[in-house]
Amino acid sequence: MSTVIVGACAPSPANDSLAAMQNEVARFVLLPDQNEVLAIAGQEIRNAIKRVNTRVWNWGITWFDITSVLDQADYTIANNWKAPLMLERLNSSNQGIGRPFRYYNWKELKARYPNADQSGSPRAYTVINNTDTCSLSLSVPCGQSFVDANPTLRHWYHRRLEELTLPNQRLIAPPEVELFIKWYAKETMAMRFSPALVGMARIERFNVWSDIVNDDLQINTHDWRS
């Protein structure tokens, strides 16, 4: 059984609610009071979130803990999982010990560890079909000595942005990412309702996207993986 850790840090400045984002997008095409337009704005915002989720982002790095279970190799991952980063072992004091696990794709993991039914000390892992089975699989099931020494495994990963469906929901992302999502939605809304505004929205959307991508690439030159 895995435990998902939800961060308490909120972006500053605070991101807008979904309702406020819908209103801003609808106002851009001068139709803020029409329910149908607001509903379309909400869908375009969700489409923009999907666009953001086509990449992995350093600002989206997070983690969840897995409790080691005797004779068990498969564990459920968080539902916002996008891509692996690291799986480390923690002792009973929640301190990292030893080398992190090696990540392999499913086929290579099976080839390297053909006796995967025998419990022991896993040293590698994979994630199998994160959109369906949502399973993190260790190279071998956990043996008793491994469980005793490593009661907790901490998986660092890149998360997906959550889809916004409720009026009071807010993005858990940098404000610059919200700005991109708004301009993306404004551009697609302008295509429907106000073609004269498409060009301006497209330029803004492109510029903000370039900025957030460049900012994220800069993080790679300074973070702990360097």
Protein backbone atom coordinates (compact mmCIF):
# COMPACT_ATOMS: atom_id res chain seq x y z
CA MET A 1 0.00 0.00 0.00
CA SER A 2 1.46 3.34 -1.00
CA THR A 3 0.99 6.67 0.72
CA VAL A 4 0.77 9.77 -1.44
CA ILE A 5 2.26 12.88 0.12
CA VAL A 6 0.43 16.07 -0.79
CA GLY A 7 2.54 19.21 -0.60
CA ALA A 8 1.35 22.16 1.46
CA CYS A 9 3.21 24.79 -0.54
CA ALA A 10 1.01 27.15 -2.55
CA PRO A 11 2.20 29.18 -5.56
CA SER A 12 2.88 32.86 -5.01
CA PRO A 13 1.18 34.87 -6.33
CA ALA A 14 -1.81 32.59 -5.87
CA ASN A 15 -3.33 30.98 -8.93
CA ASP A 16 -6.92 31.74 -9.92
CA SER A 17 -9.83 29.39 -9.42
CA LEU A 18 -11.21 27.55 -12.42
CA ALA A 19 -14.28 29.82 -12.34
CA ALA A 20 -12.10 32.94 -12.45
CA MET A 21 -10.03 31.51 -15.31
CA GLN A 22 -13.17 30.70 -17.29
CA ASN A 23 -14.46 34.22 -16.75
CA GLU A 24 -11.20 35.81 -17.91
CA VAL A 25 -11.06 33.64 -21.02
CA ALA A 26 -14.70 34.38 -21.87
CA ARG A 27 -14.16 38.12 -21.33
CA PHE A 28 -11.31 38.02 -23.84
CA VAL A 29 -13.84 37.23 -26.57
CA LEU A 30 -16.36 39.66 -25.01
CA LEU A 31 -18.81 36.94 -23.97
CA PRO A 32 -18.42 36.66 -20.18
CA ASP A 33 -22.11 36.23 -19.35
CA GLN A 34 -23.03 33.29 -21.55
CA ASN A 35 -23.06 29.92 -19.78
CA GLU A 36 -22.35 28.02 -22.97
CA VAL A 37 -19.26 30.14 -23.62
CA LEU A 38 -18.06 29.67 -20.04
CA ALA A 39 -18.45 25.91 -20.43
CA ILE A 40 -16.42 25.94 -23.65
CA ALA A 41 -13.78 28.06 -21.90
CA GLY A 42 -13.54 25.41 -19.19
CA GLN A 43 -12.97 22.70 -21.77
CA GLU A 44 -10.27 24.74 -23.51
CA ILE A 45 -8.56 25.26 -20.15
CA ARG A 46 -8.56 21.50 -19.66
CA ASN A 47 -7.16 21.04 -23.16
CA ALA A 48 -4.35 23.47 -22.27
CA ILE A 49 -3.59 21.42 -19.16
CA LYS A 50 -3.27 18.34 -21.35
CA ARG A 51 -0.80 20.29 -23.50
CA VAL A 52 1.29 21.13 -20.43
CA ASN A 53 1.22 17.45 -19.47
CA THR A 54 2.96 16.43 -22.69
CA ARG A 55 6.26 17.39 -21.02
CA VAL A 56 7.99 16.54 -17.76
CA TRP A 57 8.77 19.60 -15.65
CA ASN A 58 11.24 20.14 -12.84
CA TRP A 59 8.65 22.19 -10.96
CA GLY A 60 6.49 19.05 -11.05
CA ILE A 61 8.91 16.84 -9.13
CA THR A 62 7.31 15.27 -6.08
CA TRP A 63 7.33 11.97 -4.19
CA PHE A 64 5.30 9.33 -2.40
CA ASP A 65 6.28 6.66 0.11
CA ILE A 66 5.77 2.92 -0.26
CA THR A 67 5.70 0.58 2.73
CA SER A 68 7.83 -2.49 2.01
CA VAL A 69 5.72 -5.65 2.28
CA LEU A 70 7.12 -9.16 2.70
CA ASP A 71 6.95 -11.24 -0.50
CA GLN A 72 5.44 -8.36 -2.48
CA ALA A 73 6.96 -6.81 -5.61
CA ASP A 74 4.09 -4.74 -7.04
CA TYR A 75 2.88 -1.45 -5.53
CA THR A 76 0.33 1.15 -6.62
CA ILE A 77 1.67 4.47 -7.89
CA ALA A 78 0.13 7.92 -7.45
CA ASN A 79 -2.59 8.73 -9.98
CA ASN A 80 -0.75 11.90 -11.09
CA TRP A 81 2.39 9.94 -12.04
CA LYS A 82 4.04 11.05 -15.29
CA ALA A 83 7.63 9.76 -15.34
CA PRO A 84 10.16 8.19 -12.93
CA LEU A 85 13.01 10.06 -11.33
CA MET A 86 14.38 7.99 -8.45
CA LEU A 87 13.47 5.22 -6.00
CA GLU A 88 15.41 5.35 -2.75
CA ARG A 89 15.49 3.19 0.39
CA LEU A 90 14.70 4.63 3.82
CA ASN A 91 15.49 3.11 7.21
CA SER A 92 13.21 3.16 10.25
CA SER A 93 14.34 6.75 10.96
CA ASN A 94 13.26 7.86 7.45
CA GLN A 95 16.88 8.40 6.43
CA GLY A 96 18.07 7.51 2.95
CA ILE A 97 20.45 4.54 2.87
CA GLY A 98 22.48 2.88 0.13
CA ARG A 99 22.28 3.53 -3.57
CA PRO A 100 18.96 4.33 -5.25
CA PHE A 101 17.28 1.60 -7.28
CA ARG A 102 18.08 1.34 -10.99
CA TYR A 103 15.18 2.00 -13.36
CA TYR A 104 14.64 -0.28 -16.37
CA ASN A 105 11.79 -0.56 -18.81
CA TRP A 106 9.54 -3.58 -18.22
CA LYS A 107 11.14 -5.78 -20.88
CA GLU A 108 14.70 -5.15 -19.71
CA LEU A 109 13.79 -5.65 -16.06
CA LYS A 110 12.34 -9.09 -16.86
CA ALA A 111 15.42 -10.00 -18.87
CA ARG A 112 17.83 -8.96 -16.13
CA TYR A 113 15.86 -10.58 -13.31
CA PRO A 114 14.39 -13.83 -14.67
CA ASN A 115 13.81 -15.30 -11.18
CA ALA A 116 11.42 -12.56 -10.17
CA ASP A 117 9.23 -14.88 -8.07
CA GLN A 118 11.92 -15.48 -5.46
CA SER A 119 11.89 -13.00 -2.57
CA GLY A 120 15.13 -11.26 -1.76
CA SER A 121 16.70 -7.81 -1.96
CA PRO A 122 15.36 -5.84 -4.94
CA ARG A 123 17.79 -3.47 -6.62
CA ALA A 124 15.82 -2.22 -9.63
CA TYR A 125 12.29 -1.28 -10.58
CA THR A 126 9.95 -0.38 -13.40
CA VAL A 127 6.51 1.18 -13.82
CA ILE A 128 4.03 -0.86 -15.83
CA ASN A 129 1.34 0.95 -17.84
CA ASN A 130 0.86 4.03 -15.67
CA THR A 131 -2.48 4.80 -17.36
CA ASP A 132 -4.05 1.41 -16.61
CA THR A 133 -2.41 -0.95 -14.10
CA CYS A 134 -0.59 1.91 -12.33
CA SER A 135 1.93 -0.50 -10.90
CA LEU A 136 5.49 0.04 -9.70
CA SER A 137 7.25 -3.33 -9.82
CA LEU A 138 10.45 -4.22 -8.01
CA SER A 139 12.99 -6.58 -9.56
CA VAL A 140 12.13 -9.24 -6.95
CA PRO A 141 9.62 -9.41 -4.07
CA CYS A 142 10.86 -8.09 -0.73
CA GLY A 143 12.51 -10.62 1.55
CA GLN A 144 12.32 -10.38 5.34
CA SER A 145 15.84 -8.99 5.80
CA PHE A 146 15.13 -6.35 3.15
CA VAL A 147 11.86 -5.31 4.82
CA ASP A 148 13.57 -5.06 8.21
CA ALA A 149 16.37 -2.86 6.87
CA ASN A 150 14.25 -0.85 4.39
CA PRO A 151 10.73 -0.45 5.79
CA THR A 152 10.01 2.44 3.43
CA LEU A 153 10.77 3.17 -0.21
CA ARG A 154 10.49 6.75 -1.46
CA HIS A 155 9.69 7.25 -5.13
CA TRP A 156 10.55 10.63 -6.64
CA TYR A 157 8.71 11.29 -9.88
CA HIS A 158 7.44 13.91 -12.31
CA ARG A 159 3.73 14.53 -11.78
CA ARG A 160 0.97 15.50 -14.15
CA LEU A 161 -1.11 18.61 -13.59
CA GLU A 162 -4.53 17.73 -12.25
CA GLU A 163 -7.49 18.41 -14.51
CA LEU A 164 -9.69 21.22 -13.20
CA THR A 165 -13.38 20.34 -13.02
CA LEU A 166 -14.73 22.19 -9.95
CA PRO A 167 -15.25 25.99 -9.84
CA ASN A 168 -12.99 26.52 -6.81
CA GLN A 169 -10.14 24.27 -7.97
CA ARG A 170 -6.77 25.91 -8.59
CA LEU A 171 -3.67 24.75 -10.41
CA ILE A 172 -0.80 23.45 -8.33
CA ALA A 173 1.83 24.92 -10.61
CA PRO A 174 3.85 28.12 -11.05
CA PRO A 175 1.75 31.17 -11.96
CA GLU A 176 3.57 31.35 -15.29
CA VAL A 177 2.09 27.97 -16.21
CA GLU A 178 -1.39 29.27 -15.43
CA LEU A 179 -0.65 32.24 -17.69
CA PHE A 180 0.18 29.88 -20.57
CA ILE A 181 -3.01 27.91 -19.98
CA LYS A 182 -5.08 31.09 -20.11
CA TRP A 183 -3.48 32.28 -23.35
CA TYR A 184 -3.87 28.83 -24.91
CA ALA A 185 -7.58 28.88 -24.04
CA LYS A 186 -7.95 32.49 -25.23
CA GLU A 187 -6.40 31.60 -28.58
CA THR A 188 -8.69 28.62 -29.16
CA MET A 189 -11.72 30.61 -27.99
CA ALA A 190 -10.82 33.42 -30.37
CA MET A 191 -10.76 30.90 -33.21
CA ARG A 192 -14.42 30.19 -32.44
CA PHE A 193 -15.79 33.58 -31.47
CA SER A 194 -13.41 36.41 -32.40
CA PRO A 195 -10.92 35.60 -35.20
CA ALA A 196 -9.43 39.12 -35.09
CA LEU A 197 -7.94 38.32 -31.68
CA VAL A 198 -6.28 35.03 -32.68
CA GLY A 199 -2.98 36.59 -33.74
CA MET A 200 -2.39 38.46 -30.49
CA ALA A 201 -3.35 35.46 -28.35
CA ARG A 202 -1.10 33.17 -30.40
CA ILE A 203 1.92 35.42 -29.93
CA GLU A 204 1.32 35.64 -26.17
CA ARG A 205 0.78 31.89 -25.89
CA PHE A 206 3.97 31.19 -27.84
CA ASN A 207 6.06 33.67 -25.81
CA VAL A 208 4.86 32.39 -22.44
CA TRP A 209 5.43 28.76 -23.48
CA SER A 210 8.98 29.60 -24.55
CA ASP A 211 9.62 31.33 -21.23
CA ILE A 212 8.39 28.49 -19.03
CA VAL A 213 10.32 25.91 -21.07
CA ASN A 214 13.53 27.97 -20.86
CA ASP A 215 13.04 28.55 -17.13
CA ASP A 216 12.60 24.82 -16.59
CA LEU A 217 15.71 23.99 -18.59
CA GLN A 218 17.67 26.45 -16.44
CA ILE A 219 16.66 24.52 -13.32
CA ASN A 220 18.54 21.53 -14.75
CA THR A 221 21.79 23.48 -14.41
CA HIS A 222 21.31 24.13 -10.70
CA ASP A 223 19.36 21.32 -9.05
CA TRP A 224 20.56 18.36 -7.03
CA ARG A 225 20.90 16.08 -10.05
CA SER A 226 23.70 18.17 -11.57
